[in-house]
Amino acid sequence: MNRLGIIDLGSNSARLVIYVIGEQGQYRPSFRLKRNTRLAHYLDADKGLSEAGIDRAIRDVSAFRSAGQQFGIQQWIPVTTAAIRQAANRAEVLGRLQDHTGLTFRLLTGEEEAWYSYLGVINTMDIRDGLFVDIGGASTEVMQVQNRQLVHAVSIPFGALTLTRRFQQVPQAQQTQAITKFMKDTFADHAWIQGCSGLPIVGIGGTARAVAKIARQMHATEMNRYHGYEIDEATLAGIYGAIEKSSVQERQKLGKLSDTRAEMIHAGVAVIRALADSIAAPRFLVSGSGLREGLFYEHLFQTRETPVLNDVKQHSVHNMLTLFDVNPDLAAQVADCAVHLFDALCPLHHLGPSVRELLYYAAMTDMMGTYINAERYTTHTHYLLWSSHLYGFTQTELSTMTQIQTGKGPKTNRRLHLFIQLAKRLVWEGGWRAEHLHFLLTGKKLTISPASGGPLAIDLNGVAKGLHKRFGVTLQVP
């Protein structure tokens, strides 16, 4: 078991995440720690990091180092970004950090910061094309992604904290508009950004998560996690309007924001609004992954030709099955049988390939909850799908999968639940594989028979009643 510690000493906050990597390559974040270091706040008029800022950085990194020792960290990846990058005395800061903590920090360039943010998103979201934006405290990285590849990137030396400071002399009621105009003009200097018209925006970092919190409170909706949360253009415009007119105290109430976030959320939202207006973005997606996850995936995939996954869903499901001690081969047999049944009954349900894919992954992950409780595993599978690190699925897709697994929700999902139930009986009790069976629909009669002939030798009476109720189909087995 390998324990990896990643420290991201950012311009607004400093964060530690510890990953555990198992012998079979399975992984999970096992510990997180955050400090509101606010290094950009300590940059003086000459762009030097003040003595107080250096002391703050040393104190917080020392706390991370101590926590890492308690948790048995075997390898460290410490990086720092825009605030120290912009500091005139950055060499002194990095040297003193090393002297006091024993950690050698890597100072990322703006392009490297963009690259790692891209890696963190592209390996955890099933998205092919989009404009990614990572709004930090002292810089904003914008990335264009085509066919899952990074084609353009720029690091702009203005973030939520530095923009707040830059426009603090403007009357409060005009600050948001002033920052929006300033950032629109800044984005206009990059022709490739203007060429991204109509693409969705993927927001990375604390500002994006805060926008999701505000959207949730505005619509009074439940949110199990921020990653993959989608905000339409109208809602984004409503958030901008609410932020524009509100005081710091009122902003806190909009999304139950922290004091620090409420002080600068207007600047972050202005950046998003400026970018969305520049490309007429139809929607805004929130990513819970970014730079730290990108650093992790580079480490995890260091022996691969590329650190970019082709299939996020497949990779993430396999990782989850290994973490929760589910036999992936057995799960795949159940999933294969389920989609064979789906295909056989297609003339009756007329559902497309996207639903077929969700049925497959619902069947693959159906047994994860047995890791917690074998008798009530469906309840725990539901919880794990939403609460652990299953990537590549939208929140709507996750909701559909849990309904298929539990047999609840719309009629379609209750029907698909039967396919998993029948598939489990065929695999678990009969030891059958899909490739060894024939599935034939003739009128309203479904015949399942061994390809080699002979009896199926399984009692399917209970499932047969369900098929007849949901589809009007009579099940026939030899």
Protein backbone atom coordinates (compact mmCIF):
# COMPACT_ATOMS: atom_id res chain seq x y z
CA MET A 1 0.00 0.00 0.00
CA ASN A 2 1.55 3.28 -1.14
CA ARG A 3 0.61 6.63 0.41
CA LEU A 4 1.16 9.74 -1.68
CA GLY A 5 0.89 13.28 -0.31
CA ILE A 6 0.11 16.17 -2.67
CA ILE A 7 0.41 19.76 -1.43
CA ASP A 8 -1.05 22.58 -3.49
CA LEU A 9 0.21 25.87 -2.05
CA GLY A 10 -2.17 28.17 -3.91
CA SER A 11 -2.74 31.91 -4.00
CA ASN A 12 -5.88 31.81 -1.87
CA SER A 13 -5.81 28.45 -0.09
CA ALA A 14 -3.32 25.70 0.64
CA ARG A 15 -4.46 22.11 0.46
CA LEU A 16 -3.16 18.67 1.29
CA VAL A 17 -4.62 15.50 -0.18
CA ILE A 18 -3.35 12.02 0.65
CA TYR A 19 -3.95 9.19 -1.83
CA VAL A 20 -3.74 5.51 -1.02
CA ILE A 21 -2.70 3.28 -3.93
CA GLY A 22 -3.24 -0.47 -3.53
CA GLU A 23 -1.31 -3.44 -4.85
CA GLN A 24 -3.78 -3.94 -7.71
CA GLY A 25 -3.54 -0.28 -8.74
CA GLN A 26 -6.79 0.72 -7.02
CA TYR A 27 -6.73 4.16 -5.47
CA ARG A 28 -8.69 6.60 -3.37
CA PRO A 29 -8.15 9.91 -1.58
CA SER A 30 -7.94 9.04 2.11
CA PHE A 31 -7.38 12.41 3.80
CA ARG A 32 -7.77 16.12 3.01
CA LEU A 33 -6.71 19.26 4.83
CA LYS A 34 -7.21 22.92 3.88
CA ARG A 35 -5.82 26.21 5.14
CA ASN A 36 -6.93 29.70 4.00
CA THR A 37 -3.34 30.87 3.50
CA ARG A 38 -4.29 33.76 1.14
CA LEU A 39 -0.74 34.30 -0.14
CA ALA A 40 -1.90 36.74 -2.84
CA HIS A 41 -3.07 39.01 -0.04
CA TYR A 42 0.53 39.28 1.18
CA LEU A 43 2.00 40.50 -2.12
CA ASP A 44 3.17 44.08 -1.50
CA ALA A 45 3.33 47.00 -3.92
CA ASP A 46 6.72 45.79 -5.21
CA LYS A 47 5.29 42.29 -5.83
CA GLY A 48 7.31 40.81 -3.01
CA LEU A 49 5.77 38.29 -0.61
CA SER A 50 5.84 39.92 2.82
CA GLU A 51 7.45 38.42 5.89
CA ALA A 52 3.99 37.74 7.30
CA GLY A 53 3.06 35.88 4.09
CA ILE A 54 6.20 33.75 4.21
CA ASP A 55 5.58 32.90 7.86
CA ARG A 56 1.97 31.95 7.03
CA ALA A 57 3.09 29.65 4.21
CA ILE A 58 5.73 27.97 6.42
CA ARG A 59 3.23 27.47 9.24
CA ASP A 60 0.57 25.87 7.02
CA VAL A 61 3.00 23.66 5.09
CA SER A 62 4.54 22.52 8.40
CA ALA A 63 1.06 21.47 9.54
CA PHE A 64 0.62 19.49 6.32
CA ARG A 65 4.01 17.86 6.74
CA SER A 66 3.15 16.84 10.31
CA ALA A 67 -0.22 15.39 9.21
CA GLY A 68 1.50 13.48 6.42
CA GLN A 69 3.95 11.93 8.88
CA GLN A 70 1.05 10.79 11.07
CA PHE A 71 -0.59 9.12 8.09
CA GLY A 72 2.62 7.46 6.87
CA ILE A 73 3.26 9.39 3.65
CA GLN A 74 5.91 7.63 1.56
CA GLN A 75 6.19 10.17 -1.26
CA TRP A 76 5.47 13.89 -1.51
CA ILE A 77 4.46 16.02 -4.50
CA PRO A 78 4.52 19.65 -3.27
CA VAL A 79 3.75 22.42 -5.78
CA THR A 80 2.99 26.11 -5.62
CA THR A 81 1.36 28.42 -8.14
CA ALA A 82 0.57 32.01 -9.08
CA ALA A 83 1.18 34.00 -5.89
CA ILE A 84 4.74 32.78 -5.47
CA ARG A 85 5.21 32.73 -9.25
CA GLN A 86 4.41 36.45 -9.27
CA ALA A 87 6.51 37.23 -6.18
CA ALA A 88 9.76 39.10 -6.82
CA ASN A 89 11.37 37.20 -3.91
CA ARG A 90 10.14 33.75 -4.99
CA ALA A 91 13.61 32.17 -4.73
CA GLU A 92 13.85 33.27 -1.09
CA VAL A 93 10.32 31.98 -0.36
CA LEU A 94 11.02 28.56 -1.87
CA GLY A 95 14.35 28.32 -0.04
CA ARG A 96 12.85 29.14 3.33
CA LEU A 97 10.01 26.68 2.76
CA GLN A 98 12.56 23.94 2.13
CA ASP A 99 14.70 24.92 5.13
CA HIS A 100 11.76 24.89 7.55
CA THR A 101 9.72 21.96 6.23
CA GLY A 102 12.20 19.75 4.40
CA LEU A 103 9.98 19.82 1.29
CA THR A 104 11.22 21.02 -2.08
CA PHE A 105 8.37 22.82 -3.78
CA ARG A 106 8.02 22.82 -7.52
CA LEU A 107 7.00 26.26 -8.80
CA LEU A 108 4.55 25.62 -11.63
CA THR A 109 4.47 27.86 -14.68
CA GLY A 110 1.08 29.14 -15.82
CA GLU A 111 1.10 26.62 -18.66
CA GLU A 112 1.87 23.75 -16.27
CA GLU A 113 -0.91 24.88 -13.95
CA ALA A 114 -3.33 24.78 -16.90
CA TRP A 115 -2.05 21.34 -17.95
CA TYR A 116 -2.60 19.77 -14.53
CA SER A 117 -6.05 21.34 -14.18
CA TYR A 118 -6.92 19.86 -17.58
CA LEU A 119 -5.62 16.43 -16.54
CA GLY A 120 -7.69 16.52 -13.37
CA VAL A 121 -10.89 17.26 -15.28
CA ILE A 122 -10.40 15.12 -18.38
CA ASN A 123 -9.69 12.00 -16.30
CA THR A 124 -12.80 12.45 -14.16
CA MET A 125 -15.41 13.81 -16.61
CA ASP A 126 -16.79 12.22 -19.77
CA ILE A 127 -16.55 15.33 -21.93
CA ARG A 128 -15.10 15.65 -25.43
CA ASP A 129 -15.20 19.38 -26.16
CA GLY A 130 -15.34 22.39 -23.88
CA LEU A 131 -13.68 25.47 -22.51
CA PHE A 132 -12.18 24.79 -19.08
CA VAL A 133 -11.56 27.64 -16.63
CA ASP A 134 -9.68 27.39 -13.34
CA ILE A 135 -10.13 30.55 -11.28
CA GLY A 136 -7.51 30.75 -8.58
CA GLY A 137 -6.67 33.52 -6.17
CA ALA A 138 -4.02 35.21 -8.31
CA SER A 139 -4.46 33.74 -11.78
CA THR A 140 -7.06 32.30 -14.14
CA GLU A 141 -6.23 29.42 -16.48
CA VAL A 142 -8.37 28.98 -19.60
CA MET A 143 -8.10 25.80 -21.69
CA GLN A 144 -9.75 24.72 -24.92
CA VAL A 145 -10.36 20.98 -25.21
CA GLN A 146 -11.20 19.28 -28.51
CA ASN A 147 -11.83 15.55 -28.73
CA ARG A 148 -10.51 15.25 -25.16
CA GLN A 149 -7.17 16.81 -26.11
CA LEU A 150 -5.79 20.12 -24.84
CA VAL A 151 -5.36 22.35 -27.89
CA HIS A 152 -5.00 25.85 -26.37
CA ALA A 153 -4.20 27.15 -22.91
CA VAL A 154 -3.41 30.50 -21.34
CA SER A 155 -2.66 31.62 -17.81
CA ILE A 156 -4.02 35.10 -17.13
CA PRO A 157 -2.40 36.84 -14.11
CA PHE A 158 -5.68 37.84 -12.49
CA GLY A 159 -7.64 35.71 -10.03
CA ALA A 160 -10.57 36.19 -7.69
CA LEU A 161 -8.44 37.59 -4.86
CA THR A 162 -6.23 39.89 -6.95
CA LEU A 163 -9.22 41.17 -8.94
CA THR A 164 -11.03 41.94 -5.69
CA ARG A 165 -8.04 43.97 -4.52
CA ARG A 166 -7.56 45.66 -7.92
CA PHE A 167 -11.14 46.97 -8.00
CA GLN A 168 -11.66 47.65 -4.29
CA GLN A 169 -11.72 51.43 -4.83
CA VAL A 170 -14.67 51.11 -7.24
CA PRO A 171 -18.07 51.61 -5.54
CA GLN A 172 -19.33 48.23 -4.39
CA ALA A 173 -22.46 48.35 -6.57
CA GLN A 174 -20.27 48.77 -9.67
CA GLN A 175 -17.43 46.36 -8.86
CA THR A 176 -18.91 43.23 -10.46
CA GLN A 177 -19.69 45.01 -13.74
CA ALA A 178 -16.26 46.64 -13.80
CA ILE A 179 -14.48 43.31 -13.34
CA THR A 180 -16.69 41.69 -15.99
CA LYS A 181 -15.80 44.35 -18.56
CA PHE A 182 -12.11 44.15 -17.67
CA MET A 183 -12.05 40.37 -18.11
CA LYS A 184 -14.06 40.50 -21.36
CA ASP A 185 -11.42 42.84 -22.76
CA THR A 186 -8.69 40.51 -21.48
CA PHE A 187 -10.30 37.44 -23.09
CA ALA A 188 -10.73 39.37 -26.35
CA ASP A 189 -6.94 39.48 -26.68
CA HIS A 190 -6.98 35.70 -27.31
CA ALA A 191 -8.57 34.95 -30.69
CA TRP A 192 -8.86 31.22 -29.99
CA ILE A 193 -11.16 31.92 -27.01
CA GLN A 194 -13.54 33.81 -29.30
CA GLY A 195 -13.46 30.77 -31.62
CA CYS A 196 -14.96 28.55 -28.91
CA SER A 197 -18.48 29.85 -29.51
CA GLY A 198 -21.22 27.52 -28.29
CA LEU A 199 -18.98 25.27 -26.18
CA PRO A 200 -19.90 24.45 -22.58
CA ILE A 201 -17.70 25.91 -19.85
CA VAL A 202 -16.25 23.61 -17.21
CA GLY A 203 -15.45 25.47 -14.00
CA ILE A 204 -12.62 24.28 -11.76
CA GLY A 205 -11.82 25.32 -8.20
CA GLY A 206 -13.48 27.04 -5.28
CA THR A 207 -15.35 29.67 -7.29
CA ALA A 208 -17.05 27.00 -9.40
CA ARG A 209 -18.08 25.04 -6.31
CA ALA A 210 -19.42 28.22 -4.70
CA VAL A 211 -21.52 28.93 -7.80
CA ALA A 212 -22.96 25.41 -7.50
CA LYS A 213 -23.84 26.07 -3.84
CA ILE A 214 -25.66 29.26 -4.81
CA ALA A 215 -27.52 27.49 -7.64
CA ARG A 216 -28.58 24.72 -5.26
CA GLN A 217 -29.93 27.21 -2.74
CA MET A 218 -31.69 29.30 -5.41
CA HIS A 219 -33.57 26.25 -6.69
CA ALA A 220 -33.87 24.49 -3.32
CA THR A 221 -32.53 21.28 -4.85
CA GLU A 222 -30.63 18.48 -3.18
CA MET A 223 -27.07 17.99 -4.30
CA ASN A 224 -25.14 14.87 -3.39
CA ARG A 225 -21.91 16.16 -4.87
CA TYR A 226 -20.65 19.12 -6.89
CA HIS A 227 -18.66 17.20 -9.49
CA GLY A 228 -20.68 17.06 -12.70
CA TYR A 229 -23.31 19.54 -11.50
CA GLU A 230 -24.78 21.41 -14.49
CA ILE A 231 -26.02 25.01 -14.47
CA ASP A 232 -27.93 26.39 -17.45
CA GLU A 233 -27.37 29.84 -18.91
CA ALA A 234 -30.50 31.33 -17.34
CA THR A 235 -29.51 30.18 -13.84
CA LEU A 236 -25.97 31.47 -14.33
CA ALA A 237 -27.39 34.86 -15.35
CA GLY A 238 -29.60 34.84 -12.26
CA ILE A 239 -26.61 34.14 -10.00
CA TYR A 240 -24.68 36.99 -11.61
CA GLY A 241 -27.61 39.36 -11.06
CA ALA A 242 -27.94 38.35 -7.41
CA ILE A 243 -24.21 38.70 -6.76
CA GLU A 244 -24.00 42.04 -8.55
CA LYS A 245 -26.54 43.66 -6.23
CA SER A 246 -25.52 42.10 -2.93
CA SER A 247 -23.21 43.07 -0.09
CA VAL A 248 -20.60 40.72 1.32
CA GLN A 249 -22.98 39.72 4.12
CA GLU A 250 -25.77 39.03 1.63
CA ARG A 251 -23.45 36.94 -0.55
CA GLN A 252 -22.75 34.66 2.40
CA LYS A 253 -26.43 33.86 2.67
CA LEU A 254 -26.82 33.19 -1.08
CA GLY A 255 -24.93 29.92 -0.83
CA LYS A 256 -23.93 29.63 2.83
CA LEU A 257 -20.45 30.72 1.79
CA SER A 258 -17.47 31.16 4.09
CA ASP A 259 -16.33 34.68 5.01
CA THR A 260 -13.30 34.38 2.73
CA ARG A 261 -15.28 33.13 -0.26
CA ALA A 262 -18.02 35.72 0.18
CA GLU A 263 -15.45 38.54 0.05
CA MET A 264 -14.33 37.62 -3.47
CA ILE A 265 -17.13 35.54 -5.03
CA HIS A 266 -18.28 38.55 -7.06
CA ALA A 267 -14.90 38.66 -8.82
CA GLY A 268 -14.96 34.94 -9.58
CA VAL A 269 -18.54 35.08 -10.89
CA ALA A 270 -17.59 38.10 -13.02
CA VAL A 271 -14.81 36.04 -14.65
CA ILE A 272 -17.27 33.24 -15.44
CA ARG A 273 -19.85 35.71 -16.77
CA ALA A 274 -17.25 37.41 -18.97
CA LEU A 275 -16.13 34.08 -20.41
CA ALA A 276 -19.68 32.81 -20.90
CA ASP A 277 -20.66 36.02 -22.72
CA SER A 278 -17.53 35.86 -24.88
CA ILE A 279 -18.44 32.45 -26.31
CA ALA A 280 -22.23 32.32 -25.76
CA ALA A 281 -21.80 29.24 -23.57
CA PRO A 282 -25.04 27.21 -23.29
CA ARG A 283 -24.22 25.78 -19.87
CA PHE A 284 -21.72 25.74 -17.04
CA LEU A 285 -20.44 22.45 -15.61
CA VAL A 286 -18.80 22.19 -12.21
CA SER A 287 -15.73 20.03 -11.74
CA GLY A 288 -14.73 18.86 -8.30
CA SER A 289 -11.36 17.85 -9.73
CA GLY A 290 -8.50 20.04 -10.84
CA LEU A 291 -4.81 20.62 -10.33
CA ARG A 292 -4.26 18.22 -7.43
CA GLU A 293 -6.08 15.40 -9.22
CA GLY A 294 -4.06 16.17 -12.35
CA LEU A 295 -0.81 15.79 -10.41
CA PHE A 296 -2.10 12.49 -9.03
CA TYR A 297 -3.04 11.08 -12.43
CA GLU A 298 0.33 12.03 -13.88
CA HIS A 299 1.94 10.04 -11.06
CA LEU A 300 -0.48 7.11 -11.40
CA PHE A 301 -0.08 6.88 -15.19
CA GLN A 302 3.65 7.59 -15.33
CA THR A 303 4.37 4.35 -17.17
CA ARG A 304 1.66 4.91 -19.79
CA GLU A 305 2.19 6.56 -23.14
CA THR A 306 -0.30 9.28 -22.15
CA PRO A 307 -1.79 10.30 -18.80
CA VAL A 308 -5.18 10.93 -20.47
CA LEU A 309 -7.85 8.24 -20.16
CA ASN A 310 -9.81 7.21 -23.25
CA ASP A 311 -12.76 5.89 -21.23
CA VAL A 312 -13.32 7.56 -17.85
CA LYS A 313 -16.39 5.51 -16.97
CA GLN A 314 -14.78 2.13 -17.61
CA HIS A 315 -11.61 3.03 -15.71
CA SER A 316 -13.47 4.50 -12.74
CA VAL A 317 -15.93 1.59 -12.46
CA HIS A 318 -13.08 -0.92 -12.47
CA ASN A 319 -11.29 1.09 -9.76
CA MET A 320 -14.44 1.17 -7.62
CA LEU A 321 -15.04 -2.56 -7.99
CA THR A 322 -11.50 -3.30 -6.87
CA LEU A 323 -11.76 -0.89 -3.93
CA PHE A 324 -15.00 -2.49 -2.72
CA ASP A 325 -13.92 -6.07 -3.28
CA VAL A 326 -16.32 -6.91 -6.12
CA ASN A 327 -15.16 -9.55 -8.60
CA PRO A 328 -14.98 -7.56 -11.87
CA ASP A 329 -15.29 -10.67 -14.04
CA LEU A 330 -18.45 -11.81 -12.25
CA ALA A 331 -19.90 -8.29 -12.42
CA ALA A 332 -19.14 -8.18 -16.16
CA GLN A 333 -20.95 -11.50 -16.68
CA VAL A 334 -24.09 -10.12 -15.02
CA ALA A 335 -23.82 -6.89 -17.04
CA ASP A 336 -23.38 -8.81 -20.30
CA CYS A 337 -26.47 -10.92 -19.62
CA ALA A 338 -28.46 -7.78 -18.73
CA VAL A 339 -27.62 -6.04 -22.02
CA HIS A 340 -28.34 -9.23 -23.98
CA LEU A 341 -31.82 -9.18 -22.47
CA PHE A 342 -32.06 -5.48 -23.31
CA ASP A 343 -31.17 -6.23 -26.93
CA ALA A 344 -33.61 -9.13 -27.18
CA LEU A 345 -36.52 -7.02 -25.90
CA CYS A 346 -35.61 -3.91 -27.90
CA PRO A 347 -38.71 -4.30 -30.16
CA LEU A 348 -40.83 -3.80 -27.05
CA HIS A 349 -39.01 -1.03 -25.16
CA HIS A 350 -37.43 0.95 -28.08
CA LEU A 351 -34.69 2.37 -25.86
CA GLY A 352 -31.42 3.62 -27.29
CA PRO A 353 -27.68 3.03 -26.74
CA SER A 354 -27.28 5.63 -23.99
CA VAL A 355 -29.82 3.79 -21.82
CA ARG A 356 -28.16 0.49 -22.68
CA GLU A 357 -24.84 1.85 -21.42
CA LEU A 358 -26.38 2.96 -18.13
CA LEU A 359 -27.97 -0.47 -17.68
CA TYR A 360 -24.56 -2.06 -18.23
CA TYR A 361 -22.85 0.12 -15.61
CA ALA A 362 -25.76 -0.20 -13.18
CA ALA A 363 -25.32 -3.97 -13.38
CA MET A 364 -21.53 -3.69 -13.04
CA THR A 365 -21.75 -1.63 -9.84
CA ASP A 366 -24.86 -3.28 -8.38
CA MET A 367 -22.97 -5.31 -5.76
CA MET A 368 -20.60 -2.64 -4.39
CA GLY A 369 -22.77 -2.19 -1.29
CA THR A 370 -22.02 -5.75 -0.10
CA TYR A 371 -18.69 -4.35 1.11
CA ILE A 372 -20.67 -2.61 3.86
CA ASN A 373 -23.63 -4.95 4.39
CA ALA A 374 -24.47 -8.05 2.37
CA GLU A 375 -28.15 -8.09 3.32
CA ARG A 376 -28.96 -4.43 2.56
CA TYR A 377 -26.38 -3.97 -0.14
CA THR A 378 -28.65 -2.04 -2.54
CA THR A 379 -29.03 0.79 -0.02
CA HIS A 380 -25.27 0.99 0.42
CA THR A 381 -24.58 0.75 -3.30
CA HIS A 382 -26.84 3.79 -3.76
CA TYR A 383 -24.83 5.69 -1.15
CA LEU A 384 -21.47 4.68 -2.61
CA LEU A 385 -22.44 5.69 -6.15
CA TRP A 386 -23.19 9.20 -4.97
CA SER A 387 -20.66 9.64 -2.21
CA SER A 388 -17.46 7.95 -3.37
CA HIS A 389 -15.26 8.80 -6.32
CA LEU A 390 -17.12 7.27 -9.25
CA TYR A 391 -16.26 9.47 -12.20
CA GLY A 392 -17.47 10.03 -15.75
CA PHE A 393 -21.21 10.06 -15.00
CA THR A 394 -23.47 13.08 -14.83
CA GLN A 395 -25.75 13.50 -11.84
CA THR A 396 -28.72 12.56 -14.02
CA GLU A 397 -26.96 9.37 -15.10
CA LEU A 398 -26.12 8.44 -11.51
CA SER A 399 -29.75 8.97 -10.53
CA THR A 400 -30.90 6.72 -13.37
CA MET A 401 -28.41 4.01 -12.41
CA THR A 402 -29.55 3.94 -8.79
CA GLN A 403 -33.20 3.74 -9.88
CA ILE A 404 -32.39 0.82 -12.20
CA GLN A 405 -30.63 -0.95 -9.33
CA THR A 406 -33.46 -0.41 -6.85
CA GLY A 407 -36.38 -0.83 -9.27
CA LYS A 408 -37.75 2.59 -8.35
CA GLY A 409 -38.53 5.74 -10.27
CA PRO A 410 -39.97 6.00 -13.80
CA LYS A 411 -41.50 2.98 -15.53
CA THR A 412 -38.49 2.59 -17.81
CA ASN A 413 -36.07 2.19 -14.91
CA ARG A 414 -38.36 -0.27 -13.12
CA ARG A 415 -38.39 -2.35 -16.33
CA LEU A 416 -34.61 -2.27 -16.64
CA HIS A 417 -34.32 -3.42 -13.02
CA LEU A 418 -35.82 -6.76 -14.12
CA PHE A 419 -33.00 -7.30 -16.60
CA ILE A 420 -30.43 -7.12 -13.79
CA GLN A 421 -32.48 -9.41 -11.56
CA LEU A 422 -32.83 -12.02 -14.30
CA ALA A 423 -29.17 -11.68 -15.26
CA LYS A 424 -28.06 -12.29 -11.67
CA ARG A 425 -30.16 -15.45 -11.48
CA LEU A 426 -28.66 -16.74 -14.74
CA VAL A 427 -25.08 -16.03 -13.68
CA TRP A 428 -25.13 -16.69 -9.95
CA GLU A 429 -27.45 -19.69 -9.77
CA GLY A 430 -26.91 -21.23 -13.17
CA GLY A 431 -23.28 -20.31 -13.81
CA TRP A 432 -24.25 -19.19 -17.32
CA ARG A 433 -22.44 -16.66 -19.46
CA ALA A 434 -24.27 -14.55 -22.03
CA GLU A 435 -22.24 -16.01 -24.89
CA HIS A 436 -23.44 -19.50 -23.95
CA LEU A 437 -27.13 -18.57 -24.13
CA HIS A 438 -29.67 -17.76 -26.84
CA PHE A 439 -32.14 -14.92 -26.17
CA LEU A 440 -35.01 -15.01 -28.68
CA LEU A 441 -38.15 -12.87 -28.70
CA THR A 442 -41.01 -14.25 -30.78
CA GLY A 443 -44.08 -12.08 -30.55
CA LYS A 444 -44.75 -11.89 -26.83
CA LYS A 445 -42.67 -14.94 -25.92
CA LEU A 446 -39.05 -14.69 -24.71
CA THR A 447 -37.07 -17.90 -24.91
CA ILE A 448 -33.76 -18.25 -23.07
CA SER A 449 -31.95 -21.46 -23.87
CA PRO A 450 -28.41 -22.86 -23.69
CA ALA A 451 -26.55 -22.61 -27.00
CA SER A 452 -25.42 -26.21 -26.51
CA GLY A 453 -28.96 -27.47 -25.95
CA GLY A 454 -30.28 -29.10 -22.79
CA PRO A 455 -32.07 -27.60 -19.79
CA LEU A 456 -31.37 -24.23 -18.21
CA ALA A 457 -31.97 -25.79 -14.78
CA ILE A 458 -32.91 -22.59 -12.93
CA ASP A 459 -36.13 -21.59 -11.22
CA LEU A 460 -37.09 -18.26 -12.85
CA ASN A 461 -40.74 -18.14 -11.81
CA GLY A 462 -40.45 -14.91 -9.78
CA VAL A 463 -38.66 -13.01 -12.53
CA ALA A 464 -41.04 -14.46 -15.14
CA LYS A 465 -43.98 -12.85 -13.34
CA GLY A 466 -42.18 -9.50 -13.39
CA LEU A 467 -41.47 -9.75 -17.11
CA HIS A 468 -45.09 -10.52 -17.82
CA LYS A 469 -46.26 -7.60 -15.67
CA ARG A 470 -43.82 -5.05 -17.09
CA PHE A 471 -43.61 -6.17 -20.73
CA GLY A 472 -46.54 -8.54 -21.26
CA VAL A 473 -43.94 -11.17 -22.13
CA THR A 474 -44.12 -14.89 -21.36
CA LEU A 475 -40.76 -16.35 -20.38
CA GLN A 476 -39.97 -19.81 -21.71
CA VAL A 477 -36.96 -21.86 -20.66
CA PRO A 478 -36.09 -25.50 -21.41
